[in-house]
Amino acid sequence: MKKAVGFLAQFGQKTYIDWLDHSMPSRTSSETADKLKNRITKSNKFVLLATPKSLESIWIPWELGIADGVKGLERIAILPLVNNDTNWDEREYYGLYNYIEQVSDGRWGVFKQGESTGVPLESWFEV
């Protein structure tokens, strides 16, 4: 997780990770949902870190749904930390969203599913 936070910081991004937020209630509740919804709504972009743990989370689909409703498809991207495969077994709807990937020259871009031409990651964050 630290590597992902450092990676996004290279592009000037502050990362919010709910389980590191000490203001979150110790037990999951409607207050938890309100706080998450508020954070998602206030953020400019929503990057889903696709880790083995996040893929099992019951909250991630809800969080992604909130982001989708507030931001639309263009301001959401998935950063796959599981593998470079963007075929999401049991999470097929992830295919609706942009994904972040490193291209052959070492730069990072944001791509729509099934397209080989993307937008440089730094440009995507600026829009």
C-alpha atoms as a PDB file:
ATOM      1  CA  MET A   1       0.000   0.000   0.000  1.00  0.00           C
ATOM      2  CA  LYS A   2       2.880   2.362   0.805  1.00  0.00           C
ATOM      3  CA  LYS A   3       4.220   1.928  -2.722  1.00  0.00           C
ATOM      4  CA  ALA A   4       0.849   2.858  -4.211  1.00  0.00           C
ATOM      5  CA  VAL A   5       0.608   5.948  -1.998  1.00  0.00           C
ATOM      6  CA  GLY A   6       4.151   6.936  -3.006  1.00  0.00           C
ATOM      7  CA  PHE A   7       3.376   6.287  -6.660  1.00  0.00           C
ATOM      8  CA  LEU A   8       0.317   8.552  -6.608  1.00  0.00           C
ATOM      9  CA  ALA A   9       2.246  11.199  -4.649  1.00  0.00           C
ATOM     10  CA  GLN A  10       4.688  11.404  -7.584  1.00  0.00           C
ATOM     11  CA  PHE A  11       1.770  12.846  -9.528  1.00  0.00           C
ATOM     12  CA  GLY A  12       0.899  15.313  -6.766  1.00  0.00           C
ATOM     13  CA  GLN A  13      -1.975  13.260  -5.397  1.00  0.00           C
ATOM     14  CA  LYS A  14      -2.979  12.907  -1.768  1.00  0.00           C
ATOM     15  CA  THR A  15      -4.295   9.462  -0.997  1.00  0.00           C
ATOM     16  CA  TYR A  16      -7.087   8.628   1.389  1.00  0.00           C
ATOM     17  CA  ILE A  17      -7.173   5.125   2.854  1.00  0.00           C
ATOM     18  CA  ASP A  18     -10.146   4.546   5.103  1.00  0.00           C
ATOM     19  CA  TRP A  19      -8.581   1.947   7.373  1.00  0.00           C
ATOM     20  CA  LEU A  20      -5.784   4.411   8.199  1.00  0.00           C
ATOM     21  CA  ASP A  21      -8.272   7.128   9.152  1.00  0.00           C
ATOM     22  CA  HIS A  22      -8.338   7.329  12.964  1.00  0.00           C
ATOM     23  CA  SER A  23     -11.522   9.406  12.876  1.00  0.00           C
ATOM     24  CA  MET A  24     -13.454   6.424  11.513  1.00  0.00           C
ATOM     25  CA  PRO A  25     -15.702   4.631  13.985  1.00  0.00           C
ATOM     26  CA  SER A  26     -14.176   1.479  15.461  1.00  0.00           C
ATOM     27  CA  ARG A  27     -17.258  -0.453  14.326  1.00  0.00           C
ATOM     28  CA  THR A  28     -18.671  -0.146  10.843  1.00  0.00           C
ATOM     29  CA  SER A  29     -21.895   1.848  10.941  1.00  0.00           C
ATOM     30  CA  SER A  30     -23.952   4.411   9.065  1.00  0.00           C
ATOM     31  CA  GLU A  31     -21.440   6.982  10.343  1.00  0.00           C
ATOM     32  CA  THR A  32     -18.738   5.056   8.470  1.00  0.00           C
ATOM     33  CA  ALA A  33     -20.821   5.217   5.302  1.00  0.00           C
ATOM     34  CA  ASP A  34     -21.438   8.958   5.739  1.00  0.00           C
ATOM     35  CA  LYS A  35     -17.736   9.669   6.221  1.00  0.00           C
ATOM     36  CA  LEU A  36     -16.745   7.606   3.193  1.00  0.00           C
ATOM     37  CA  LYS A  37     -19.414   9.199   1.035  1.00  0.00           C
ATOM     38  CA  ASN A  38     -18.237  12.661   2.098  1.00  0.00           C
ATOM     39  CA  ARG A  39     -14.593  11.868   1.287  1.00  0.00           C
ATOM     40  CA  ILE A  40     -15.493  10.405  -2.104  1.00  0.00           C
ATOM     41  CA  THR A  41     -17.725  13.355  -2.955  1.00  0.00           C
ATOM     42  CA  LYS A  42     -15.061  15.937  -2.043  1.00  0.00           C
ATOM     43  CA  SER A  43     -12.258  14.281  -4.011  1.00  0.00           C
ATOM     44  CA  ASN A  44     -11.539  15.380  -7.567  1.00  0.00           C
ATOM     45  CA  LYS A  45     -10.789  11.861  -8.822  1.00  0.00           C
ATOM     46  CA  PHE A  46     -11.408   8.367  -7.522  1.00  0.00           C
ATOM     47  CA  VAL A  47      -8.671   5.780  -7.981  1.00  0.00           C
ATOM     48  CA  LEU A  48      -9.554   2.272  -6.891  1.00  0.00           C
ATOM     49  CA  LEU A  49      -6.503   0.300  -5.808  1.00  0.00           C
ATOM     50  CA  ALA A  50      -7.336  -3.228  -6.950  1.00  0.00           C
ATOM     51  CA  THR A  51      -5.579  -5.429  -4.411  1.00  0.00           C
ATOM     52  CA  PRO A  52      -6.485  -8.971  -3.373  1.00  0.00           C
ATOM     53  CA  LYS A  53      -8.057  -7.537  -0.211  1.00  0.00           C
ATOM     54  CA  SER A  54     -10.004  -4.803  -2.007  1.00  0.00           C
ATOM     55  CA  LEU A  55     -11.371  -7.319  -4.490  1.00  0.00           C
ATOM     56  CA  GLU A  56     -12.871  -9.230  -1.546  1.00  0.00           C
ATOM     57  CA  SER A  57     -14.252  -6.141   0.185  1.00  0.00           C
ATOM     58  CA  ILE A  58     -17.995  -5.741   0.505  1.00  0.00           C
ATOM     59  CA  TRP A  59     -17.530  -1.952   0.726  1.00  0.00           C
ATOM     60  CA  ILE A  60     -15.614  -1.404  -2.511  1.00  0.00           C
ATOM     61  CA  PRO A  61     -18.612  -1.941  -4.834  1.00  0.00           C
ATOM     62  CA  TRP A  62     -20.597   0.565  -2.754  1.00  0.00           C
ATOM     63  CA  GLU A  63     -17.722   3.096  -2.772  1.00  0.00           C
ATOM     64  CA  LEU A  64     -17.295   2.683  -6.514  1.00  0.00           C
ATOM     65  CA  GLY A  65     -21.032   3.196  -6.975  1.00  0.00           C
ATOM     66  CA  ILE A  66     -20.911   6.430  -4.966  1.00  0.00           C
ATOM     67  CA  ALA A  67     -17.960   7.653  -7.037  1.00  0.00           C
ATOM     68  CA  ASP A  68     -19.715   6.687 -10.269  1.00  0.00           C
ATOM     69  CA  GLY A  69     -22.819   8.654  -9.324  1.00  0.00           C
ATOM     70  CA  VAL A  70     -20.877  11.743  -8.246  1.00  0.00           C
ATOM     71  CA  LYS A  71     -17.974  11.767 -10.696  1.00  0.00           C
ATOM     72  CA  GLY A  72     -19.046   9.816 -13.760  1.00  0.00           C
ATOM     73  CA  LEU A  73     -16.851   7.375 -15.647  1.00  0.00           C
ATOM     74  CA  GLU A  74     -14.228   9.897 -16.754  1.00  0.00           C
ATOM     75  CA  ARG A  75     -13.030  10.763 -13.237  1.00  0.00           C
ATOM     76  CA  ILE A  76     -12.635   7.184 -12.011  1.00  0.00           C
ATOM     77  CA  ALA A  77      -9.721   4.845 -12.697  1.00  0.00           C
ATOM     78  CA  ILE A  78      -8.652   1.455 -11.424  1.00  0.00           C
ATOM     79  CA  LEU A  79      -5.012   0.881 -10.523  1.00  0.00           C
ATOM     80  CA  PRO A  80      -4.549  -2.892 -10.657  1.00  0.00           C
ATOM     81  CA  LEU A  81      -2.051  -3.984  -8.022  1.00  0.00           C
ATOM     82  CA  VAL A  82      -3.144  -7.608  -8.278  1.00  0.00           C
ATOM     83  CA  ASN A  83      -1.821  -8.253 -11.760  1.00  0.00           C
ATOM     84  CA  ASN A  84      -1.744  -6.516 -15.111  1.00  0.00           C
ATOM     85  CA  ASP A  85      -4.812  -8.347 -16.311  1.00  0.00           C
ATOM     86  CA  THR A  86      -7.872  -6.149 -16.655  1.00  0.00           C
ATOM     87  CA  ASN A  87     -10.275  -9.076 -16.899  1.00  0.00           C
ATOM     88  CA  TRP A  88     -12.070  -8.929 -13.588  1.00  0.00           C
ATOM     89  CA  ASP A  89     -13.576 -12.280 -12.674  1.00  0.00           C
ATOM     90  CA  GLU A  90     -16.683 -11.715 -10.557  1.00  0.00           C
ATOM     91  CA  ARG A  91     -16.222  -7.930 -10.882  1.00  0.00           C
ATOM     92  CA  GLU A  92     -17.055  -7.603 -14.559  1.00  0.00           C
ATOM     93  CA  TYR A  93     -18.426  -4.096 -14.002  1.00  0.00           C
ATOM     94  CA  TYR A  94     -14.840  -2.924 -13.361  1.00  0.00           C
ATOM     95  CA  GLY A  95     -14.560  -3.054 -17.146  1.00  0.00           C
ATOM     96  CA  LEU A  96     -16.733   0.075 -17.301  1.00  0.00           C
ATOM     97  CA  TYR A  97     -13.963   2.142 -15.771  1.00  0.00           C
ATOM     98  CA  ASN A  98     -10.663   3.532 -16.960  1.00  0.00           C
ATOM     99  CA  TYR A  99      -7.562   1.762 -15.752  1.00  0.00           C
ATOM    100  CA  ILE A 100      -4.030   2.940 -15.032  1.00  0.00           C
ATOM    101  CA  GLU A 101      -1.207   1.122 -16.753  1.00  0.00           C
ATOM    102  CA  GLN A 102       2.457   1.588 -17.532  1.00  0.00           C
ATOM    103  CA  VAL A 103       3.268   1.628 -21.234  1.00  0.00           C
ATOM    104  CA  SER A 104       6.374   0.312 -22.969  1.00  0.00           C
ATOM    105  CA  ASP A 105       8.337   3.575 -22.697  1.00  0.00           C
ATOM    106  CA  GLY A 106       7.886   3.580 -18.902  1.00  0.00           C
ATOM    107  CA  ARG A 107       5.284   6.332 -18.717  1.00  0.00           C
ATOM    108  CA  TRP A 108       1.925   5.823 -17.055  1.00  0.00           C
ATOM    109  CA  GLY A 109      -1.419   6.367 -18.694  1.00  0.00           C
ATOM    110  CA  VAL A 110      -5.143   6.100 -18.172  1.00  0.00           C
ATOM    111  CA  PHE A 111      -6.905   3.868 -20.669  1.00  0.00           C
ATOM    112  CA  LYS A 112     -10.471   2.985 -21.480  1.00  0.00           C
ATOM    113  CA  GLN A 113     -11.188  -0.721 -21.514  1.00  0.00           C
ATOM    114  CA  GLY A 114     -10.241  -2.248 -24.870  1.00  0.00           C
ATOM    115  CA  GLU A 115      -8.391   0.825 -26.159  1.00  0.00           C
ATOM    116  CA  SER A 116      -4.653   1.024 -26.721  1.00  0.00           C
ATOM    117  CA  THR A 117      -4.408   4.814 -26.756  1.00  0.00           C
ATOM    118  CA  GLY A 118      -4.737   6.559 -23.441  1.00  0.00           C
ATOM    119  CA  VAL A 119      -4.112   9.828 -21.665  1.00  0.00           C
ATOM    120  CA  PRO A 120      -0.894  10.476 -19.716  1.00  0.00           C
ATOM    121  CA  LEU A 121      -1.625   9.946 -16.032  1.00  0.00           C
ATOM    122  CA  GLU A 122      -0.415  13.410 -15.046  1.00  0.00           C
ATOM    123  CA  SER A 123      -2.794  14.957 -17.601  1.00  0.00           C
ATOM    124  CA  TRP A 124      -5.712  12.871 -16.349  1.00  0.00           C
ATOM    125  CA  PHE A 125      -5.140  14.106 -12.801  1.00  0.00           C
ATOM    126  CA  GLU A 126      -5.095  17.737 -14.001  1.00  0.00           C
ATOM    127  CA  VAL A 127      -8.476  17.635 -15.746  1.00  0.00           C
END
